[in-house]
Amino acid sequence: MTPELFELLWKAAAIVFAAGAVWGELRGIRKDIARLEAKQDKYNHLQERVARLEDSCASAHKRISELHFGRGRD
């Protein structure tokens, strides 16, 4: 095996190893992004539920006030 061939094989092996490392990192990043998207979806759903609950509560308080103070009856 000549030194040039050995050097060429060594560089090829290094490139393959580096490509594998980059591929592994990208796979990990994709997994993290998927996990974060799932968490964001849960958070958004929770915010929607809280907003609906607040609207419902505000409506209930308004009806109670109208009944208590006699407003809204003509």
N, C-alpha and C. Protein backbone atom coordinates (compact mmCIF):
# COMPACT_ATOMS: atom_id res chain seq x y z
N MET A 1 0.86 -1.17 0.00
CA MET A 1 0.00 0.00 0.00
C MET A 1 0.91 1.23 0.00
N THR A 2 0.68 2.07 -0.95
CA THR A 2 1.51 3.26 -1.07
C THR A 2 1.00 4.33 -0.11
N PRO A 3 1.88 5.25 0.26
CA PRO A 3 1.45 6.32 1.18
C PRO A 3 0.32 7.18 0.61
N GLU A 4 0.32 7.37 -0.71
CA GLU A 4 -0.75 8.19 -1.32
C GLU A 4 -2.11 7.50 -1.19
N LEU A 5 -2.11 6.18 -1.43
CA LEU A 5 -3.35 5.41 -1.33
C LEU A 5 -3.84 5.38 0.11
N PHE A 6 -2.90 5.18 1.04
CA PHE A 6 -3.26 5.18 2.47
C PHE A 6 -3.85 6.53 2.87
N GLU A 7 -3.25 7.62 2.42
CA GLU A 7 -3.75 8.96 2.74
C GLU A 7 -5.14 9.17 2.13
N LEU A 8 -5.34 8.70 0.91
CA LEU A 8 -6.64 8.83 0.25
C LEU A 8 -7.71 8.05 1.01
N LEU A 9 -7.39 6.82 1.42
CA LEU A 9 -8.34 6.01 2.18
C LEU A 9 -8.63 6.64 3.54
N TRP A 10 -7.61 7.19 4.17
CA TRP A 10 -7.77 7.84 5.46
C TRP A 10 -8.72 9.04 5.33
N LYS A 11 -8.55 9.85 4.29
CA LYS A 11 -9.42 11.01 4.07
C LYS A 11 -10.84 10.57 3.75
N ALA A 12 -11.00 9.51 2.97
CA ALA A 12 -12.33 8.99 2.64
C ALA A 12 -13.04 8.51 3.90
N ALA A 13 -12.30 7.81 4.76
CA ALA A 13 -12.88 7.32 6.01
C ALA A 13 -13.29 8.49 6.90
N ALA A 14 -12.47 9.53 6.94
CA ALA A 14 -12.79 10.71 7.75
C ALA A 14 -14.05 11.40 7.23
N ILE A 15 -14.19 11.48 5.92
CA ILE A 15 -15.38 12.11 5.33
C ILE A 15 -16.63 11.29 5.63
N VAL A 16 -16.51 9.97 5.52
CA VAL A 16 -17.66 9.10 5.83
C VAL A 16 -18.05 9.24 7.30
N PHE A 17 -17.06 9.27 8.18
CA PHE A 17 -17.33 9.43 9.60
C PHE A 17 -17.98 10.77 9.88
N ALA A 18 -17.48 11.84 9.28
CA ALA A 18 -18.05 13.18 9.49
C ALA A 18 -19.48 13.24 8.96
N ALA A 19 -19.72 12.63 7.81
CA ALA A 19 -21.08 12.62 7.25
C ALA A 19 -22.03 11.87 8.17
N GLY A 20 -21.56 10.78 8.75
CA GLY A 20 -22.39 10.03 9.70
C GLY A 20 -22.69 10.84 10.94
N ALA A 21 -21.70 11.57 11.43
CA ALA A 21 -21.91 12.41 12.61
C ALA A 21 -22.92 13.52 12.32
N VAL A 22 -22.80 14.14 11.15
CA VAL A 22 -23.74 15.20 10.77
C VAL A 22 -25.14 14.62 10.63
N TRP A 23 -25.27 13.47 10.00
CA TRP A 23 -26.56 12.83 9.83
C TRP A 23 -27.20 12.52 11.19
N GLY A 24 -26.39 12.02 12.12
CA GLY A 24 -26.89 11.73 13.47
C GLY A 24 -27.37 12.99 14.18
N GLU A 25 -26.63 14.08 14.05
CA GLU A 25 -27.04 15.33 14.65
C GLU A 25 -28.35 15.85 14.05
N LEU A 26 -28.47 15.76 12.73
CA LEU A 26 -29.70 16.20 12.07
C LEU A 26 -30.89 15.36 12.53
N ARG A 27 -30.68 14.09 12.68
CA ARG A 27 -31.75 13.22 13.17
C ARG A 27 -32.17 13.62 14.58
N GLY A 28 -31.21 13.93 15.42
CA GLY A 28 -31.52 14.38 16.77
C GLY A 28 -32.26 15.70 16.78
N ILE A 29 -31.86 16.61 15.90
CA ILE A 29 -32.53 17.90 15.81
C ILE A 29 -33.97 17.71 15.36
N ARG A 30 -34.19 16.86 14.38
CA ARG A 30 -35.56 16.59 13.91
C ARG A 30 -36.42 16.03 15.03
N LYS A 31 -35.83 15.15 15.83
CA LYS A 31 -36.57 14.56 16.96
C LYS A 31 -36.92 15.63 17.98
N ASP A 32 -35.97 16.52 18.28
CA ASP A 32 -36.23 17.61 19.22
C ASP A 32 -37.32 18.54 18.70
N ILE A 33 -37.27 18.84 17.41
CA ILE A 33 -38.28 19.72 16.82
C ILE A 33 -39.66 19.07 16.91
N ALA A 34 -39.76 17.79 16.64
CA ALA A 34 -41.04 17.09 16.73
C ALA A 34 -41.57 17.13 18.17
N ARG A 35 -40.68 16.95 19.13
CA ARG A 35 -41.09 16.98 20.54
C ARG A 35 -41.57 18.38 20.92
N LEU A 36 -40.86 19.40 20.47
CA LEU A 36 -41.26 20.77 20.77
C LEU A 36 -42.58 21.15 20.09
N GLU A 37 -42.78 20.66 18.87
CA GLU A 37 -44.05 20.92 18.18
C GLU A 37 -45.21 20.30 18.95
N ALA A 38 -45.02 19.10 19.46
CA ALA A 38 -46.08 18.44 20.24
C ALA A 38 -46.39 19.24 21.51
N LYS A 39 -45.34 19.72 22.17
CA LYS A 39 -45.54 20.52 23.38
C LYS A 39 -46.25 21.83 23.05
N GLN A 40 -45.89 22.46 21.94
CA GLN A 40 -46.51 23.72 21.53
C GLN A 40 -47.98 23.50 21.20
N ASP A 41 -48.30 22.38 20.55
CA ASP A 41 -49.69 22.07 20.24
C ASP A 41 -50.51 21.90 21.52
N LYS A 42 -49.94 21.22 22.50
CA LYS A 42 -50.64 21.06 23.79
C LYS A 42 -50.86 22.42 24.45
N TYR A 43 -49.84 23.27 24.42
CA TYR A 43 -49.94 24.59 25.04
C TYR A 43 -51.00 25.43 24.32
N ASN A 44 -51.01 25.40 22.99
CA ASN A 44 -52.00 26.17 22.24
C ASN A 44 -53.41 25.69 22.54
N HIS A 45 -53.59 24.38 22.63
CA HIS A 45 -54.90 23.82 22.95
C HIS A 45 -55.33 24.27 24.34
N LEU A 46 -54.41 24.25 25.27
CA LEU A 46 -54.72 24.69 26.63
C LEU A 46 -55.10 26.17 26.65
N GLN A 47 -54.40 27.00 25.89
CA GLN A 47 -54.72 28.42 25.83
C GLN A 47 -56.12 28.64 25.25
N GLU A 48 -56.49 27.86 24.24
CA GLU A 48 -57.83 27.97 23.67
C GLU A 48 -58.88 27.60 24.70
N ARG A 49 -58.64 26.56 25.46
CA ARG A 49 -59.60 26.15 26.49
C ARG A 49 -59.72 27.20 27.57
N VAL A 50 -58.61 27.79 27.96
CA VAL A 50 -58.64 28.84 28.99
C VAL A 50 -59.41 30.05 28.47
N ALA A 51 -59.22 30.43 27.22
CA ALA A 51 -59.93 31.57 26.65
C ALA A 51 -61.43 31.31 26.63
N ARG A 52 -61.83 30.10 26.24
CA ARG A 52 -63.26 29.76 26.24
C ARG A 52 -63.83 29.79 27.66
N LEU A 53 -63.06 29.28 28.61
CA LEU A 53 -63.50 29.28 30.00
C LEU A 53 -63.65 30.70 30.53
N GLU A 54 -62.70 31.57 30.19
CA GLU A 54 -62.79 32.97 30.63
C GLU A 54 -64.01 33.65 30.02
N ASP A 55 -64.29 33.39 28.75
CA ASP A 55 -65.48 33.97 28.11
C ASP A 55 -66.75 33.48 28.79
N SER A 56 -66.80 32.20 29.06
CA SER A 56 -67.97 31.63 29.71
C SER A 56 -68.16 32.21 31.10
N CYS A 57 -67.07 32.36 31.82
CA CYS A 57 -67.12 32.92 33.17
C CYS A 57 -67.58 34.38 33.13
N ALA A 58 -67.07 35.15 32.17
CA ALA A 58 -67.47 36.55 32.04
C ALA A 58 -68.96 36.65 31.73
N SER A 59 -69.46 35.77 30.86
CA SER A 59 -70.89 35.77 30.54
C SER A 59 -71.72 35.42 31.76
N ALA A 60 -71.26 34.44 32.52
CA ALA A 60 -71.99 34.05 33.73
C ALA A 60 -72.02 35.19 34.74
N HIS A 61 -70.91 35.88 34.92
CA HIS A 61 -70.87 37.01 35.85
C HIS A 61 -71.79 38.13 35.39
N LYS A 62 -71.85 38.35 34.10
CA LYS A 62 -72.74 39.39 33.57
C LYS A 62 -74.20 39.03 33.84
N ARG A 63 -74.57 37.76 33.60
CA ARG A 63 -75.94 37.34 33.86
C ARG A 63 -76.28 37.45 35.34
N ILE A 64 -75.34 37.05 36.19
CA ILE A 64 -75.58 37.14 37.63
C ILE A 64 -75.77 38.60 38.05
N SER A 65 -74.93 39.50 37.53
CA SER A 65 -75.06 40.92 37.86
C SER A 65 -76.40 41.47 37.37
N GLU A 66 -76.80 41.08 36.18
CA GLU A 66 -78.08 41.55 35.65
C GLU A 66 -79.24 41.07 36.51
N LEU A 67 -79.17 39.83 36.96
CA LEU A 67 -80.23 39.31 37.82
C LEU A 67 -80.21 39.97 39.19
N HIS A 68 -79.03 40.18 39.71
CA HIS A 68 -78.90 40.74 41.06
C HIS A 68 -79.30 42.22 41.11
N PHE A 69 -78.86 42.99 40.15
CA PHE A 69 -79.13 44.42 40.17
C PHE A 69 -80.36 44.79 39.35
N GLY A 70 -81.00 43.83 38.73
CA GLY A 70 -82.21 44.10 37.98
C GLY A 70 -82.01 44.81 36.67
N ARG A 71 -80.81 44.86 36.20
CA ARG A 71 -80.53 45.50 34.91
C ARG A 71 -80.89 44.54 33.79
N GLY A 72 -81.20 45.10 32.66
CA GLY A 72 -81.49 44.26 31.52
C GLY A 72 -82.95 43.90 31.44
N ARG A 73 -83.75 44.24 32.49
CA ARG A 73 -85.19 43.99 32.45
C ARG A 73 -85.90 45.30 32.19
N ASP A 74 -86.67 45.34 31.17
CA ASP A 74 -87.43 46.57 30.87
C ASP A 74 -88.91 46.31 30.93
